[in-house]
mmCIF file of all heavy atoms, coordinates in Angstrom:
data_MODEL
# 
_entry.id   MODEL 
# 
loop_
_atom_site.group_PDB 
_atom_site.id 
_atom_site.type_symbol 
_atom_site.label_atom_id 
_atom_site.label_alt_id 
_atom_site.label_comp_id 
_atom_site.label_asym_id 
_atom_site.label_entity_id 
_atom_site.label_seq_id 
_atom_site.pdbx_PDB_ins_code 
_atom_site.Cartn_x 
_atom_site.Cartn_y 
_atom_site.Cartn_z 
_atom_site.occupancy 
_atom_site.B_iso_or_equiv 
_atom_site.pdbx_formal_charge 
_atom_site.auth_seq_id 
_atom_site.auth_comp_id 
_atom_site.auth_asym_id 
_atom_site.auth_atom_id 
_atom_site.pdbx_PDB_model_num 
ATOM 1   N N   . ASP A 1 1  ? 82.727 -249.555 89.872 1.00 0.00 ? 1  ASP A N   1 
ATOM 2   C CA  . ASP A 1 1  ? 81.857 -249.281 91.022 1.00 0.00 ? 1  ASP A CA  1 
ATOM 3   C C   . ASP A 1 1  ? 80.435 -248.979 90.560 1.00 0.00 ? 1  ASP A C   1 
ATOM 4   O O   . ASP A 1 1  ? 79.464 -249.522 91.096 1.00 0.00 ? 1  ASP A O   1 
ATOM 5   C CB  . ASP A 1 1  ? 82.384 -248.094 91.832 1.00 0.00 ? 1  ASP A CB  1 
ATOM 6   C CG  . ASP A 1 1  ? 83.647 -248.418 92.617 1.00 0.00 ? 1  ASP A CG  1 
ATOM 7   O OD1 . ASP A 1 1  ? 83.926 -249.615 92.801 1.00 0.00 ? 1  ASP A OD1 1 
ATOM 8   O OD2 . ASP A 1 1  ? 84.343 -247.475 93.026 1.00 0.00 ? 1  ASP A OD2 1 
ATOM 9   N N   . VAL A 1 2  ? 80.325 -248.091 89.566 1.00 0.00 ? 2  VAL A N   1 
ATOM 10  C CA  . VAL A 1 2  ? 78.978 -247.714 89.132 1.00 0.00 ? 2  VAL A CA  1 
ATOM 11  C C   . VAL A 1 2  ? 78.331 -248.833 88.316 1.00 0.00 ? 2  VAL A C   1 
ATOM 12  O O   . VAL A 1 2  ? 77.106 -248.984 88.317 1.00 0.00 ? 2  VAL A O   1 
ATOM 13  C CB  . VAL A 1 2  ? 78.984 -246.379 88.345 1.00 0.00 ? 2  VAL A CB  1 
ATOM 14  C CG1 . VAL A 1 2  ? 79.423 -245.236 89.236 1.00 0.00 ? 2  VAL A CG1 1 
ATOM 15  C CG2 . VAL A 1 2  ? 79.822 -246.452 87.091 1.00 0.00 ? 2  VAL A CG2 1 
ATOM 16  N N   . ALA A 1 3  ? 79.149 -249.632 87.622 1.00 0.00 ? 3  ALA A N   1 
ATOM 17  C CA  . ALA A 1 3  ? 78.588 -250.788 86.903 1.00 0.00 ? 3  ALA A CA  1 
ATOM 18  C C   . ALA A 1 3  ? 77.976 -251.781 87.894 1.00 0.00 ? 3  ALA A C   1 
ATOM 19  O O   . ALA A 1 3  ? 76.885 -252.324 87.669 1.00 0.00 ? 3  ALA A O   1 
ATOM 20  C CB  . ALA A 1 3  ? 79.659 -251.455 86.059 1.00 0.00 ? 3  ALA A CB  1 
ATOM 21  N N   . ALA A 1 4  ? 78.677 -252.017 88.998 1.00 0.00 ? 4  ALA A N   1 
ATOM 22  C CA  . ALA A 1 4  ? 78.146 -252.912 90.032 1.00 0.00 ? 4  ALA A CA  1 
ATOM 23  C C   . ALA A 1 4  ? 76.897 -252.304 90.674 1.00 0.00 ? 4  ALA A C   1 
ATOM 24  O O   . ALA A 1 4  ? 75.939 -253.023 90.994 1.00 0.00 ? 4  ALA A O   1 
ATOM 25  C CB  . ALA A 1 4  ? 79.212 -253.180 91.087 1.00 0.00 ? 4  ALA A CB  1 
ATOM 26  N N   . LYS A 1 5  ? 76.922 -250.978 90.865 1.00 0.00 ? 5  LYS A N   1 
ATOM 27  C CA  . LYS A 1 5  ? 75.754 -250.299 91.430 1.00 0.00 ? 5  LYS A CA  1 
ATOM 28  C C   . LYS A 1 5  ? 74.552 -250.453 90.511 1.00 0.00 ? 5  LYS A C   1 
ATOM 29  O O   . LYS A 1 5  ? 73.430 -250.725 90.957 1.00 0.00 ? 5  LYS A O   1 
ATOM 30  C CB  . LYS A 1 5  ? 76.075 -248.819 91.634 1.00 0.00 ? 5  LYS A CB  1 
ATOM 31  C CG  . LYS A 1 5  ? 74.963 -248.012 92.287 1.00 0.00 ? 5  LYS A CG  1 
ATOM 32  C CD  . LYS A 1 5  ? 74.766 -248.409 93.715 1.00 0.00 ? 5  LYS A CD  1 
ATOM 33  C CE  . LYS A 1 5  ? 73.752 -247.525 94.418 1.00 0.00 ? 5  LYS A CE  1 
ATOM 34  N NZ  . LYS A 1 5  ? 73.507 -247.963 95.810 1.00 0.00 ? 5  LYS A NZ  1 
ATOM 35  N N   . LYS A 1 6  ? 74.780 -250.303 89.223 1.00 0.00 ? 6  LYS A N   1 
ATOM 36  C CA  . LYS A 1 6  ? 73.694 -250.453 88.253 1.00 0.00 ? 6  LYS A CA  1 
ATOM 37  C C   . LYS A 1 6  ? 73.125 -251.877 88.299 1.00 0.00 ? 6  LYS A C   1 
ATOM 38  O O   . LYS A 1 6  ? 71.906 -252.072 88.260 1.00 0.00 ? 6  LYS A O   1 
ATOM 39  C CB  . LYS A 1 6  ? 74.179 -250.128 86.850 1.00 0.00 ? 6  LYS A CB  1 
ATOM 40  C CG  . LYS A 1 6  ? 73.094 -250.208 85.777 1.00 0.00 ? 6  LYS A CG  1 
ATOM 41  C CD  . LYS A 1 6  ? 73.631 -249.832 84.413 1.00 0.00 ? 6  LYS A CD  1 
ATOM 42  C CE  . LYS A 1 6  ? 72.518 -249.731 83.382 1.00 0.00 ? 6  LYS A CE  1 
ATOM 43  N NZ  . LYS A 1 6  ? 71.734 -250.972 83.250 1.00 0.00 ? 6  LYS A NZ  1 
ATOM 44  N N   . ALA A 1 7  ? 74.000 -252.863 88.385 1.00 0.00 ? 7  ALA A N   1 
ATOM 45  C CA  . ALA A 1 7  ? 73.535 -254.252 88.427 1.00 0.00 ? 7  ALA A CA  1 
ATOM 46  C C   . ALA A 1 7  ? 72.656 -254.485 89.650 1.00 0.00 ? 7  ALA A C   1 
ATOM 47  O O   . ALA A 1 7  ? 71.622 -255.165 89.575 1.00 0.00 ? 7  ALA A O   1 
ATOM 48  C CB  . ALA A 1 7  ? 74.735 -255.195 88.437 1.00 0.00 ? 7  ALA A CB  1 
ATOM 49  N N   . LYS A 1 8  ? 73.056 -253.911 90.781 1.00 0.00 ? 8  LYS A N   1 
ATOM 50  C CA  . LYS A 1 8  ? 72.275 -254.064 92.013 1.00 0.00 ? 8  LYS A CA  1 
ATOM 51  C C   . LYS A 1 8  ? 70.911 -253.380 91.873 1.00 0.00 ? 8  LYS A C   1 
ATOM 52  O O   . LYS A 1 8  ? 69.874 -253.943 92.241 1.00 0.00 ? 8  LYS A O   1 
ATOM 53  C CB  . LYS A 1 8  ? 73.037 -253.472 93.197 1.00 0.00 ? 8  LYS A CB  1 
ATOM 54  C CG  . LYS A 1 8  ? 72.336 -253.642 94.541 1.00 0.00 ? 8  LYS A CG  1 
ATOM 55  C CD  . LYS A 1 8  ? 73.160 -253.019 95.656 1.00 0.00 ? 8  LYS A CD  1 
ATOM 56  C CE  . LYS A 1 8  ? 72.488 -253.157 97.019 1.00 0.00 ? 8  LYS A CE  1 
ATOM 57  N NZ  . LYS A 1 8  ? 72.466 -254.547 97.504 1.00 0.00 ? 8  LYS A NZ  1 
ATOM 58  N N   . MET A 1 9  ? 70.921 -252.157 91.343 1.00 0.00 ? 9  MET A N   1 
ATOM 59  C CA  . MET A 1 9  ? 69.664 -251.417 91.172 1.00 0.00 ? 9  MET A CA  1 
ATOM 60  C C   . MET A 1 9  ? 68.750 -252.133 90.185 1.00 0.00 ? 9  MET A C   1 
ATOM 61  O O   . MET A 1 9  ? 67.535 -252.229 90.396 1.00 0.00 ? 9  MET A O   1 
ATOM 62  C CB  . MET A 1 9  ? 69.957 -249.991 90.696 1.00 0.00 ? 9  MET A CB  1 
ATOM 63  C CG  . MET A 1 9  ? 70.793 -249.156 91.652 1.00 0.00 ? 9  MET A CG  1 
ATOM 64  S SD  . MET A 1 9  ? 69.995 -248.769 93.211 1.00 0.00 ? 9  MET A SD  1 
ATOM 65  C CE  . MET A 1 9  ? 68.782 -247.565 92.685 1.00 0.00 ? 9  MET A CE  1 
ATOM 66  N N   . ASP A 1 10 ? 69.326 -252.652 89.098 1.00 0.00 ? 10 ASP A N   1 
ATOM 67  C CA  . ASP A 1 10 ? 68.526 -253.371 88.103 1.00 0.00 ? 10 ASP A CA  1 
ATOM 68  C C   . ASP A 1 10 ? 67.874 -254.611 88.704 1.00 0.00 ? 10 ASP A C   1 
ATOM 69  O O   . ASP A 1 10 ? 66.731 -254.956 88.370 1.00 0.00 ? 10 ASP A O   1 
ATOM 70  C CB  . ASP A 1 10 ? 69.401 -253.771 86.912 1.00 0.00 ? 10 ASP A CB  1 
ATOM 71  C CG  . ASP A 1 10 ? 69.761 -252.589 86.027 1.00 0.00 ? 10 ASP A CG  1 
ATOM 72  O OD1 . ASP A 1 10 ? 69.153 -251.509 86.197 1.00 0.00 ? 10 ASP A OD1 1 
ATOM 73  O OD2 . ASP A 1 10 ? 70.660 -252.735 85.176 1.00 0.00 ? 10 ASP A OD2 1 
ATOM 74  N N   . ALA A 1 11 ? 68.585 -255.275 89.592 1.00 0.00 ? 11 ALA A N   1 
ATOM 75  C CA  . ALA A 1 11 ? 68.030 -256.475 90.224 1.00 0.00 ? 11 ALA A CA  1 
ATOM 76  C C   . ALA A 1 11 ? 66.820 -256.119 91.091 1.00 0.00 ? 11 ALA A C   1 
ATOM 77  O O   . ALA A 1 11 ? 65.814 -256.840 91.105 1.00 0.00 ? 11 ALA A O   1 
ATOM 78  C CB  . ALA A 1 11 ? 69.096 -257.171 91.061 1.00 0.00 ? 11 ALA A CB  1 
ATOM 79  N N   . VAL A 1 12 ? 66.919 -254.999 91.798 1.00 0.00 ? 12 VAL A N   1 
ATOM 80  C CA  . VAL A 1 12 ? 65.782 -254.567 92.622 1.00 0.00 ? 12 VAL A CA  1 
ATOM 81  C C   . VAL A 1 12 ? 64.632 -254.114 91.732 1.00 0.00 ? 12 VAL A C   1 
ATOM 82  O O   . VAL A 1 12 ? 63.457 -254.417 91.994 1.00 0.00 ? 12 VAL A O   1 
ATOM 83  C CB  . VAL A 1 12 ? 66.212 -253.447 93.589 1.00 0.00 ? 12 VAL A CB  1 
ATOM 84  C CG1 . VAL A 1 12 ? 65.012 -252.935 94.382 1.00 0.00 ? 12 VAL A CG1 1 
ATOM 85  C CG2 . VAL A 1 12 ? 67.291 -253.951 94.543 1.00 0.00 ? 12 VAL A CG2 1 
ATOM 86  N N   . LEU A 1 13 ? 64.945 -253.389 90.664 1.00 0.00 ? 13 LEU A N   1 
ATOM 87  C CA  . LEU A 1 13 ? 63.906 -252.946 89.729 1.00 0.00 ? 13 LEU A CA  1 
ATOM 88  C C   . LEU A 1 13 ? 63.140 -254.134 89.145 1.00 0.00 ? 13 LEU A C   1 
ATOM 89  O O   . LEU A 1 13 ? 61.917 -254.072 88.962 1.00 0.00 ? 13 LEU A O   1 
ATOM 90  C CB  . LEU A 1 13 ? 64.527 -252.130 88.594 1.00 0.00 ? 13 LEU A CB  1 
ATOM 91  C CG  . LEU A 1 13 ? 64.948 -250.699 88.921 1.00 0.00 ? 13 LEU A CG  1 
ATOM 92  C CD1 . LEU A 1 13 ? 65.811 -250.129 87.804 1.00 0.00 ? 13 LEU A CD1 1 
ATOM 93  C CD2 . LEU A 1 13 ? 63.723 -249.816 89.136 1.00 0.00 ? 13 LEU A CD2 1 
ATOM 94  N N   . ALA A 1 14 ? 63.866 -255.198 88.855 1.00 0.00 ? 14 ALA A N   1 
ATOM 95  C CA  . ALA A 1 14 ? 63.225 -256.375 88.257 1.00 0.00 ? 14 ALA A CA  1 
ATOM 96  C C   . ALA A 1 14 ? 62.201 -257.008 89.177 1.00 0.00 ? 14 ALA A C   1 
ATOM 97  O O   . ALA A 1 14 ? 61.280 -257.687 88.716 1.00 0.00 ? 14 ALA A O   1 
ATOM 98  C CB  . ALA A 1 14 ? 64.297 -257.401 87.878 1.00 0.00 ? 14 ALA A CB  1 
ATOM 99  N N   . ALA A 1 15 ? 62.333 -256.768 90.483 1.00 0.00 ? 15 ALA A N   1 
ATOM 100 C CA  . ALA A 1 15 ? 61.402 -257.359 91.445 1.00 0.00 ? 15 ALA A CA  1 
ATOM 101 C C   . ALA A 1 15 ? 60.205 -256.448 91.732 1.00 0.00 ? 15 ALA A C   1 
ATOM 102 O O   . ALA A 1 15 ? 59.286 -256.853 92.456 1.00 0.00 ? 15 ALA A O   1 
ATOM 103 C CB  . ALA A 1 15 ? 62.135 -257.672 92.749 1.00 0.00 ? 15 ALA A CB  1 
ATOM 104 N N   . LEU A 1 16 ? 60.212 -255.225 91.171 1.00 0.00 ? 16 LEU A N   1 
ATOM 105 C CA  . LEU A 1 16 ? 59.090 -254.319 91.362 1.00 0.00 ? 16 LEU A CA  1 
ATOM 106 C C   . LEU A 1 16 ? 57.970 -254.636 90.385 1.00 0.00 ? 16 LEU A C   1 
ATOM 107 O O   . LEU A 1 16 ? 58.153 -255.386 89.423 1.00 0.00 ? 16 LEU A O   1 
ATOM 108 C CB  . LEU A 1 16 ? 59.549 -252.867 91.153 1.00 0.00 ? 16 LEU A CB  1 
ATOM 109 C CG  . LEU A 1 16 ? 60.642 -252.327 92.080 1.00 0.00 ? 16 LEU A CG  1 
ATOM 110 C CD1 . LEU A 1 16 ? 60.942 -250.877 91.721 1.00 0.00 ? 16 LEU A CD1 1 
ATOM 111 C CD2 . LEU A 1 16 ? 60.242 -252.449 93.538 1.00 0.00 ? 16 LEU A CD2 1 
ATOM 112 N N   . THR A 1 17 ? 56.813 -254.054 90.605 1.00 0.00 ? 17 THR A N   1 
ATOM 113 C CA  . THR A 1 17 ? 55.743 -254.184 89.624 1.00 0.00 ? 17 THR A CA  1 
ATOM 114 C C   . THR A 1 17 ? 56.140 -253.426 88.362 1.00 0.00 ? 17 THR A C   1 
ATOM 115 O O   . THR A 1 17 ? 57.013 -252.547 88.402 1.00 0.00 ? 17 THR A O   1 
ATOM 116 C CB  . THR A 1 17 ? 54.423 -253.609 90.160 1.00 0.00 ? 17 THR A CB  1 
ATOM 117 O OG1 . THR A 1 17 ? 54.570 -252.184 90.310 1.00 0.00 ? 17 THR A OG1 1 
ATOM 118 C CG2 . THR A 1 17 ? 54.049 -254.235 91.513 1.00 0.00 ? 17 THR A CG2 1 
ATOM 119 N N   . GLU A 1 18 ? 55.494 -253.750 87.271 1.00 0.00 ? 18 GLU A N   1 
ATOM 120 C CA  . GLU A 1 18 ? 55.819 -253.085 85.999 1.00 0.00 ? 18 GLU A CA  1 
ATOM 121 C C   . GLU A 1 18 ? 55.605 -251.579 86.108 1.00 0.00 ? 18 GLU A C   1 
ATOM 122 O O   . GLU A 1 18 ? 56.410 -250.777 85.618 1.00 0.00 ? 18 GLU A O   1 
ATOM 123 C CB  . GLU A 1 18 ? 54.953 -253.659 84.878 1.00 0.00 ? 18 GLU A CB  1 
ATOM 124 C CG  . GLU A 1 18 ? 55.275 -253.078 83.508 1.00 0.00 ? 18 GLU A CG  1 
ATOM 125 C CD  . GLU A 1 18 ? 54.437 -253.698 82.393 1.00 0.00 ? 18 GLU A CD  1 
ATOM 126 O OE1 . GLU A 1 18 ? 53.707 -254.681 82.671 1.00 0.00 ? 18 GLU A OE1 1 
ATOM 127 O OE2 . GLU A 1 18 ? 54.503 -253.189 81.261 1.00 0.00 ? 18 GLU A OE2 1 
ATOM 128 N N   . GLU A 1 19 ? 54.531 -251.179 86.787 1.00 0.00 ? 19 GLU A N   1 
ATOM 129 C CA  . GLU A 1 19 ? 54.241 -249.753 86.938 1.00 0.00 ? 19 GLU A CA  1 
ATOM 130 C C   . GLU A 1 19 ? 55.311 -249.064 87.778 1.00 0.00 ? 19 GLU A C   1 
ATOM 131 O O   . GLU A 1 19 ? 55.761 -247.955 87.461 1.00 0.00 ? 19 GLU A O   1 
ATOM 132 C CB  . GLU A 1 19 ? 52.872 -249.572 87.596 1.00 0.00 ? 19 GLU A CB  1 
ATOM 133 C CG  . GLU A 1 19 ? 52.447 -248.118 87.751 1.00 0.00 ? 19 GLU A CG  1 
ATOM 134 C CD  . GLU A 1 19 ? 51.087 -247.972 88.403 1.00 0.00 ? 19 GLU A CD  1 
ATOM 135 O OE1 . GLU A 1 19 ? 50.441 -249.011 88.683 1.00 0.00 ? 19 GLU A OE1 1 
ATOM 136 O OE2 . GLU A 1 19 ? 50.662 -246.827 88.642 1.00 0.00 ? 19 GLU A OE2 1 
ATOM 137 N N   . GLN A 1 20 ? 55.738 -249.705 88.862 1.00 0.00 ? 20 GLN A N   1 
ATOM 138 C CA  . GLN A 1 20 ? 56.766 -249.116 89.717 1.00 0.00 ? 20 GLN A CA  1 
ATOM 139 C C   . GLN A 1 20 ? 58.094 -248.995 88.977 1.00 0.00 ? 20 GLN A C   1 
ATOM 140 O O   . GLN A 1 20 ? 58.780 -247.972 89.075 1.00 0.00 ? 20 GLN A O   1 
ATOM 141 C CB  . GLN A 1 20 ? 56.944 -249.968 90.976 1.00 0.00 ? 20 GLN A CB  1 
ATOM 142 C CG  . GLN A 1 20 ? 55.780 -249.904 91.949 1.00 0.00 ? 20 GLN A CG  1 
ATOM 143 C CD  . GLN A 1 20 ? 55.892 -250.943 93.053 1.00 0.00 ? 20 GLN A CD  1 
ATOM 144 O OE1 . GLN A 1 20 ? 56.524 -251.988 92.885 1.00 0.00 ? 20 GLN A OE1 1 
ATOM 145 N NE2 . GLN A 1 20 ? 55.262 -250.682 94.183 1.00 0.00 ? 20 GLN A NE2 1 
ATOM 146 N N   . ALA A 1 21 ? 58.458 -250.028 88.246 1.00 0.00 ? 21 ALA A N   1 
ATOM 147 C CA  . ALA A 1 21 ? 59.722 -250.011 87.520 1.00 0.00 ? 21 ALA A CA  1 
ATOM 148 C C   . ALA A 1 21 ? 59.709 -248.981 86.397 1.00 0.00 ? 21 ALA A C   1 
ATOM 149 O O   . ALA A 1 21 ? 60.722 -248.332 86.107 1.00 0.00 ? 21 ALA A O   1 
ATOM 150 C CB  . ALA A 1 21 ? 60.024 -251.398 86.973 1.00 0.00 ? 21 ALA A CB  1 
ATOM 151 N N   . GLN A 1 22 ? 58.553 -248.820 85.762 1.00 0.00 ? 22 GLN A N   1 
ATOM 152 C CA  . GLN A 1 22 ? 58.443 -247.898 84.624 1.00 0.00 ? 22 GLN A CA  1 
ATOM 153 C C   . GLN A 1 22 ? 58.767 -246.463 85.038 1.00 0.00 ? 22 GLN A C   1 
ATOM 154 O O   . GLN A 1 22 ? 59.285 -245.684 84.245 1.00 0.00 ? 22 GLN A O   1 
ATOM 155 C CB  . GLN A 1 22 ? 57.026 -247.972 84.041 1.00 0.00 ? 22 GLN A CB  1 
ATOM 156 C CG  . GLN A 1 22 ? 56.844 -247.218 82.733 1.00 0.00 ? 22 GLN A CG  1 
ATOM 157 C CD  . GLN A 1 22 ? 57.688 -247.794 81.593 1.00 0.00 ? 22 GLN A CD  1 
ATOM 158 O OE1 . GLN A 1 22 ? 57.979 -248.981 81.579 1.00 0.00 ? 22 GLN A OE1 1 
ATOM 159 N NE2 . GLN A 1 22 ? 58.060 -246.960 80.644 1.00 0.00 ? 22 GLN A NE2 1 
ATOM 160 N N   . GLN A 1 23 ? 58.470 -246.124 86.288 1.00 0.00 ? 23 GLN A N   1 
ATOM 161 C CA  . GLN A 1 23 ? 58.741 -244.768 86.774 1.00 0.00 ? 23 GLN A CA  1 
ATOM 162 C C   . GLN A 1 23 ? 60.217 -244.401 86.646 1.00 0.00 ? 23 GLN A C   1 
ATOM 163 O O   . GLN A 1 23 ? 60.567 -243.227 86.488 1.00 0.00 ? 23 GLN A O   1 
ATOM 164 C CB  . GLN A 1 23 ? 58.317 -244.650 88.240 1.00 0.00 ? 23 GLN A CB  1 
ATOM 165 C CG  . GLN A 1 23 ? 58.708 -243.322 88.887 1.00 0.00 ? 23 GLN A CG  1 
ATOM 166 C CD  . GLN A 1 23 ? 58.415 -243.290 90.385 1.00 0.00 ? 23 GLN A CD  1 
ATOM 167 O OE1 . GLN A 1 23 ? 57.462 -243.917 90.845 1.00 0.00 ? 23 GLN A OE1 1 
ATOM 168 N NE2 . GLN A 1 23 ? 59.236 -242.581 91.140 1.00 0.00 ? 23 GLN A NE2 1 
ATOM 169 N N   . TRP A 1 24 ? 61.089 -245.421 86.696 1.00 0.00 ? 24 TRP A N   1 
ATOM 170 C CA  . TRP A 1 24 ? 62.521 -245.143 86.747 1.00 0.00 ? 24 TRP A CA  1 
ATOM 171 C C   . TRP A 1 24 ? 63.219 -245.226 85.402 1.00 0.00 ? 24 TRP A C   1 
ATOM 172 O O   . TRP A 1 24 ? 64.442 -245.046 85.320 1.00 0.00 ? 24 TRP A O   1 
ATOM 173 C CB  . TRP A 1 24 ? 63.188 -246.098 87.748 1.00 0.00 ? 24 TRP A CB  1 
ATOM 174 C CG  . TRP A 1 24 ? 62.680 -245.799 89.120 1.00 0.00 ? 24 TRP A CG  1 
ATOM 175 C CD1 . TRP A 1 24 ? 61.780 -246.521 89.856 1.00 0.00 ? 24 TRP A CD1 1 
ATOM 176 C CD2 . TRP A 1 24 ? 62.994 -244.647 89.894 1.00 0.00 ? 24 TRP A CD2 1 
ATOM 177 N NE1 . TRP A 1 24 ? 61.526 -245.888 91.055 1.00 0.00 ? 24 TRP A NE1 1 
ATOM 178 C CE2 . TRP A 1 24 ? 62.266 -244.739 91.101 1.00 0.00 ? 24 TRP A CE2 1 
ATOM 179 C CE3 . TRP A 1 24 ? 63.842 -243.555 89.696 1.00 0.00 ? 24 TRP A CE3 1 
ATOM 180 C CZ2 . TRP A 1 24 ? 62.344 -243.768 92.090 1.00 0.00 ? 24 TRP A CZ2 1 
ATOM 181 C CZ3 . TRP A 1 24 ? 63.914 -242.583 90.685 1.00 0.00 ? 24 TRP A CZ3 1 
ATOM 182 C CH2 . TRP A 1 24 ? 63.173 -242.706 91.863 1.00 0.00 ? 24 TRP A CH2 1 
# 
């Protein structure tokens, strides 16, 4: 469950700006 959650979050992070993603 959490592995799938991580994959989903990573996909959204990849679409953010570098500065926005760096915060996380």
